Amino acid sequence: MKAGATTTTKEDRAAALLRQYSLLRTPELRNELAMEYASIAESVAGSLYNTYYRFASHTDMINQGMIAILEGLEKYDFSSEINITAYLYTKVRSAMIDYVRKQDHLPRRMRRNEIEIAEAQSKLAMALGRYPTKKEVAEYLGIPFEELLRRMAELAGDYAAGADSDSLTQQQLEYHGMGAEEDPIALLDNAELRKALAKAVDGLQGQERTVISLYYFEHLKLREIGAVMGVSEQRICLIKKNAVQHLRAALSDYRK
């Protein structure tokens, strides 16, 4: 590379396209910009598929997400202070859940619970600039944490029924290719350990808790988390490393 030359990153291209689109608003720019944000649809589909696989294919969910991105770009208010990535993430997730809801035939009571939870998640995500934890959703709805888990278990079946806290499953750890020596969360093989981890996660600082939640629970990549939180991927990597160290220390008694 010649002296003084610069490298254009994917984030740079997206930012440049976003500036152009804010001025011109052409369908061509909108479509090109949507492809830059396609990873949001892929990420959200990946996080929801294990819960809703009975009602929609992974491809169908991604397609719905892309439609939501296109519509979101058309409606986005460039004068607002809302982060565009967080805005699209919320739109995509709501669109996928709406699509799945049309594919099944839940009783009215369960449907009402699903709508309330989805709306709470969307509103909290917009207010916080990140995806909310289950405990934050329960507090927003004014119901006990255990009641929220019961409702989610009823809606999602076996997948949610096994989640008695905001802890991780071994299957999720294997998804990320992490073993017991690399990550303390891989020690979670019984209910007592899951409760210990949930307590340890609650004890993390705000950013550390957010990164752990988005990385493990929502399967976002580090660069996607950085975009949502408005910091660099390198910063997110450091926050995650520190969070894992804190969790490892908190679970030290279980490693003996």
Protein backbone atom coordinates (compact mmCIF):
# COMPACT_ATOMS: atom_id res chain seq x y z
CA MET A 1 0.00 0.00 0.00
CA LYS A 2 1.31 3.44 -0.88
CA ALA A 3 2.14 5.95 1.81
CA GLY A 4 -0.86 8.01 2.78
CA ALA A 5 -3.35 5.51 1.30
CA THR A 6 -6.40 4.61 3.36
CA THR A 7 -8.45 1.43 3.61
CA THR A 8 -12.21 1.70 3.19
CA THR A 9 -14.00 -0.57 5.65
CA LYS A 10 -17.53 -1.93 5.46
CA GLU A 11 -18.55 0.55 8.16
CA ASP A 12 -17.08 3.42 6.12
CA ARG A 13 -19.01 2.34 3.02
CA ALA A 14 -22.24 2.07 5.00
CA ALA A 15 -21.71 5.51 6.55
CA ALA A 16 -21.01 7.06 3.13
CA LEU A 17 -24.09 5.44 1.61
CA LEU A 18 -26.18 6.56 4.58
CA ARG A 19 -25.11 10.18 4.05
CA GLN A 20 -25.97 9.95 0.35
CA TYR A 21 -29.31 8.32 1.03
CA SER A 22 -30.23 10.95 3.65
CA LEU A 23 -29.93 13.57 0.92
CA LEU A 24 -31.24 11.79 -2.19
CA ARG A 25 -33.61 9.07 -0.87
CA THR A 26 -33.48 7.10 -4.14
CA PRO A 27 -34.65 3.45 -4.31
CA GLU A 28 -31.28 2.47 -5.75
CA LEU A 29 -29.36 3.89 -2.79
CA ARG A 30 -31.88 2.40 -0.39
CA ASN A 31 -31.42 -1.08 -1.87
CA GLU A 32 -27.64 -0.78 -1.83
CA LEU A 33 -27.72 0.43 1.76
CA ALA A 34 -30.01 -2.44 2.76
CA MET A 35 -27.37 -4.92 1.61
CA GLU A 36 -24.84 -3.21 3.89
CA TYR A 37 -27.15 -3.90 6.83
CA ALA A 38 -28.13 -7.43 5.73
CA SER A 39 -26.06 -8.91 8.55
CA ILE A 40 -28.66 -7.59 11.00
CA ALA A 41 -31.33 -9.79 9.43
CA GLU A 42 -28.99 -12.78 9.46
CA SER A 43 -28.05 -12.20 13.08
CA VAL A 44 -31.62 -11.77 14.35
CA ALA A 45 -32.82 -14.79 12.38
CA GLY A 46 -30.05 -16.84 13.96
CA SER A 47 -31.05 -15.75 17.47
CA LEU A 48 -34.77 -16.42 16.96
CA TYR A 49 -34.67 -19.58 14.88
CA ASN A 50 -34.13 -22.01 17.78
CA THR A 51 -37.29 -20.66 19.39
CA TYR A 52 -39.53 -20.40 16.32
CA TYR A 53 -38.18 -23.10 13.98
CA ARG A 54 -41.52 -24.91 14.14
CA PHE A 55 -43.30 -22.06 12.40
CA ALA A 56 -40.87 -20.57 9.85
CA SER A 57 -37.71 -21.49 7.96
CA HIS A 58 -34.44 -19.66 8.55
CA THR A 59 -34.57 -18.32 4.98
CA ASP A 60 -38.11 -17.01 5.38
CA MET A 61 -37.11 -15.18 8.55
CA ILE A 62 -34.14 -13.56 6.83
CA ASN A 63 -36.38 -12.51 3.93
CA GLN A 64 -38.80 -10.86 6.35
CA GLY A 65 -35.85 -9.15 8.00
CA MET A 66 -34.64 -7.72 4.70
CA ILE A 67 -38.11 -6.37 3.96
CA ALA A 68 -38.10 -4.73 7.39
CA ILE A 69 -34.70 -3.16 6.67
CA LEU A 70 -35.96 -1.69 3.40
CA GLU A 71 -39.09 -0.32 5.06
CA GLY A 72 -37.07 0.91 8.03
CA LEU A 73 -34.70 2.85 5.80
CA GLU A 74 -37.63 4.52 4.09
CA LYS A 75 -39.15 5.60 7.40
CA TYR A 76 -35.97 6.44 9.31
CA ASP A 77 -35.85 10.02 10.58
CA PHE A 78 -32.34 11.27 9.92
CA SER A 79 -32.90 14.23 12.23
CA SER A 80 -33.37 11.90 15.20
CA GLU A 81 -30.60 10.82 17.55
CA ILE A 82 -31.56 7.14 17.33
CA ASN A 83 -28.68 4.93 16.21
CA ILE A 84 -29.54 3.54 12.76
CA THR A 85 -28.27 0.04 13.59
CA ALA A 86 -30.24 -0.17 16.83
CA TYR A 87 -33.30 1.19 14.98
CA LEU A 88 -33.06 -1.43 12.22
CA TYR A 89 -32.32 -4.20 14.70
CA THR A 90 -35.57 -3.44 16.53
CA LYS A 91 -37.54 -3.22 13.26
CA VAL A 92 -36.13 -6.52 12.00
CA ARG A 93 -36.82 -8.39 15.22
CA SER A 94 -40.40 -7.11 15.44
CA ALA A 95 -41.04 -7.99 11.79
CA MET A 96 -39.77 -11.54 12.23
CA ILE A 97 -41.87 -12.12 15.33
CA ASP A 98 -44.94 -10.67 13.58
CA TYR A 99 -44.34 -13.00 10.63
CA VAL A 100 -43.97 -16.05 12.85
CA ARG A 101 -47.10 -15.09 14.78
CA LYS A 102 -49.13 -15.33 11.57
CA GLN A 103 -47.89 -18.85 10.92
CA ASP A 104 -49.31 -20.54 14.03
CA HIS A 105 -52.57 -20.59 15.93
CA LEU A 106 -51.91 -19.83 19.57
CA PRO A 107 -54.77 -19.31 22.06
CA ARG A 108 -55.77 -15.68 22.56
CA ARG A 109 -54.21 -15.55 26.06
CA MET A 110 -50.83 -16.75 24.78
CA ARG A 111 -51.04 -14.43 21.80
CA ARG A 112 -51.63 -11.46 24.14
CA ASN A 113 -48.63 -12.46 26.24
CA GLU A 114 -46.46 -12.74 23.13
CA ILE A 115 -47.50 -9.29 21.88
CA GLU A 116 -46.87 -7.69 25.28
CA ILE A 117 -43.41 -9.24 25.56
CA ALA A 118 -42.46 -8.31 21.99
CA GLU A 119 -43.65 -4.72 22.45
CA ALA A 120 -41.78 -4.41 25.75
CA GLN A 121 -38.59 -5.72 24.14
CA SER A 122 -38.90 -3.31 21.22
CA LYS A 123 -39.59 -0.24 23.39
CA LEU A 124 -36.77 -1.08 25.78
CA ALA A 125 -34.36 -1.68 22.90
CA MET A 126 -35.16 1.74 21.46
CA ALA A 127 -34.78 3.42 24.87
CA LEU A 128 -31.60 1.59 25.89
CA GLY A 129 -29.90 1.41 22.49
CA ARG A 130 -29.36 -2.32 23.02
CA TYR A 131 -31.39 -5.49 23.42
CA PRO A 132 -32.88 -5.72 26.95
CA THR A 133 -32.32 -8.56 29.41
CA LYS A 134 -35.21 -10.72 30.56
CA LYS A 135 -35.12 -9.09 33.98
CA GLU A 136 -35.48 -5.64 32.42
CA VAL A 137 -38.45 -6.88 30.39
CA ALA A 138 -40.09 -8.32 33.52
CA GLU A 139 -39.62 -5.03 35.37
CA TYR A 140 -41.05 -3.08 32.42
CA LEU A 141 -44.14 -5.35 32.35
CA GLY A 142 -44.49 -5.16 36.12
CA ILE A 143 -44.45 -8.93 36.60
CA PRO A 144 -42.12 -11.25 38.57
CA PHE A 145 -39.08 -12.56 36.68
CA GLU A 146 -40.32 -16.14 37.16
CA GLU A 147 -43.69 -15.25 35.59
CA LEU A 148 -41.97 -13.83 32.50
CA LEU A 149 -39.93 -17.02 32.15
CA ARG A 150 -43.11 -19.09 32.51
CA ARG A 151 -44.82 -17.11 29.74
CA MET A 152 -41.79 -17.36 27.46
CA ALA A 153 -41.53 -21.09 28.15
CA GLU A 154 -45.20 -21.52 27.26
CA LEU A 155 -44.72 -19.60 24.02
CA ALA A 156 -41.45 -21.13 22.90
CA GLY A 157 -41.78 -24.71 24.08
CA ASP A 158 -38.83 -26.84 25.12
CA TYR A 159 -36.18 -24.27 24.20
CA ALA A 160 -37.46 -21.59 26.56
CA ALA A 161 -38.62 -24.10 29.20
CA GLY A 162 -35.01 -25.02 29.81
CA ALA A 163 -33.99 -21.41 30.42
CA ASP A 164 -34.62 -20.89 34.14
CA SER A 165 -32.30 -17.86 34.11
CA ASP A 166 -30.36 -15.66 31.71
CA SER A 167 -27.71 -18.39 31.58
CA LEU A 168 -26.19 -20.22 28.63
CA THR A 169 -26.66 -23.79 27.47
CA GLN A 170 -23.88 -26.11 26.39
CA GLN A 171 -25.36 -26.08 22.89
CA GLN A 172 -24.94 -22.31 22.72
CA LEU A 173 -21.34 -22.61 23.87
CA GLU A 174 -20.59 -25.16 21.18
CA TYR A 175 -22.13 -22.75 18.66
CA HIS A 176 -19.40 -20.28 19.58
CA GLY A 177 -16.68 -22.95 19.63
CA MET A 178 -15.70 -22.28 23.24
CA GLY A 179 -14.55 -24.93 25.70
CA ALA A 180 -14.33 -25.17 29.47
CA GLU A 181 -10.70 -24.01 29.58
CA GLU A 182 -11.47 -20.88 27.56
CA ASP A 183 -14.71 -19.78 29.13
CA PRO A 184 -16.12 -20.27 32.65
CA ILE A 185 -19.65 -20.43 31.31
CA ALA A 186 -18.87 -23.86 29.86
CA LEU A 187 -18.97 -25.16 33.45
CA LEU A 188 -22.74 -24.75 33.57
CA ASP A 189 -23.99 -28.31 33.68
CA ASN A 190 -26.59 -28.08 36.46
CA ALA A 191 -29.18 -25.71 37.89
CA GLU A 192 -26.99 -24.56 40.79
CA LEU A 193 -24.25 -23.41 38.45
CA ARG A 194 -26.73 -21.67 36.16
CA LYS A 195 -28.06 -19.70 39.11
CA ALA A 196 -24.51 -18.82 40.15
CA LEU A 197 -23.76 -17.51 36.66
CA ALA A 198 -27.01 -15.52 36.52
CA LYS A 199 -25.98 -13.82 39.76
CA ALA A 200 -22.47 -13.20 38.42
CA VAL A 201 -23.84 -11.68 35.19
CA ASP A 202 -26.12 -9.39 37.20
CA GLY A 203 -23.02 -8.21 39.08
CA LEU A 204 -21.22 -7.11 35.92
CA GLN A 205 -20.90 -3.44 35.03
CA GLY A 206 -23.36 -2.04 32.48
CA GLN A 207 -21.28 -2.39 29.32
CA GLU A 208 -19.91 -5.79 30.30
CA ARG A 209 -23.40 -7.11 31.00
CA THR A 210 -24.65 -5.73 27.68
CA VAL A 211 -21.84 -7.31 25.66
CA ILE A 212 -22.26 -10.71 27.35
CA SER A 213 -26.00 -10.58 26.69
CA LEU A 214 -25.72 -9.64 23.02
CA TYR A 215 -22.81 -11.98 22.27
CA TYR A 216 -24.04 -15.15 23.97
CA PHE A 217 -27.80 -14.77 24.19
CA GLU A 218 -28.49 -12.95 20.89
CA HIS A 219 -25.53 -14.39 18.89
CA LEU A 220 -24.41 -10.97 17.64
CA LYS A 221 -20.89 -10.70 16.30
CA LEU A 222 -18.43 -8.35 17.98
CA ARG A 223 -18.59 -5.80 15.16
CA GLU A 224 -22.41 -5.86 15.30
CA ILE A 225 -22.34 -5.25 19.04
CA GLY A 226 -19.92 -2.39 18.44
CA ALA A 227 -22.32 -0.86 15.93
CA VAL A 228 -25.25 -1.13 18.36
CA MET A 229 -23.26 0.37 21.25
CA GLY A 230 -21.48 2.97 19.13
CA VAL A 231 -17.92 1.84 19.88
CA SER A 232 -15.20 0.00 17.96
CA GLU A 233 -14.99 -3.76 17.56
CA GLN A 234 -11.64 -3.66 19.39
CA ARG A 235 -13.31 -1.97 22.36
CA ILE A 236 -16.07 -4.60 22.42
CA CYS A 237 -13.42 -7.35 22.33
CA LEU A 238 -11.73 -5.82 25.38
CA ILE A 239 -15.02 -5.43 27.26
CA LYS A 240 -15.91 -9.05 26.54
CA LYS A 241 -12.48 -10.25 27.70
CA ASN A 242 -12.82 -8.34 30.96
CA ALA A 243 -16.36 -9.61 31.49
CA VAL A 244 -15.27 -13.22 31.01
CA GLN A 245 -12.44 -12.71 33.50
CA HIS A 246 -14.90 -11.33 36.04
CA LEU A 247 -17.26 -14.24 35.49
CA ARG A 248 -14.40 -16.71 35.83
CA ALA A 249 -13.43 -15.14 39.14
CA ALA A 250 -17.04 -15.16 40.36
CA LEU A 251 -17.31 -18.87 39.55
CA SER A 252 -13.90 -19.78 40.95
CA ASP A 253 -15.42 -21.92 43.71
CA TYR A 254 -17.04 -24.14 41.08
CA ARG A 255 -13.75 -24.66 39.23
CA LYS A 256 -12.01 -26.31 42.15
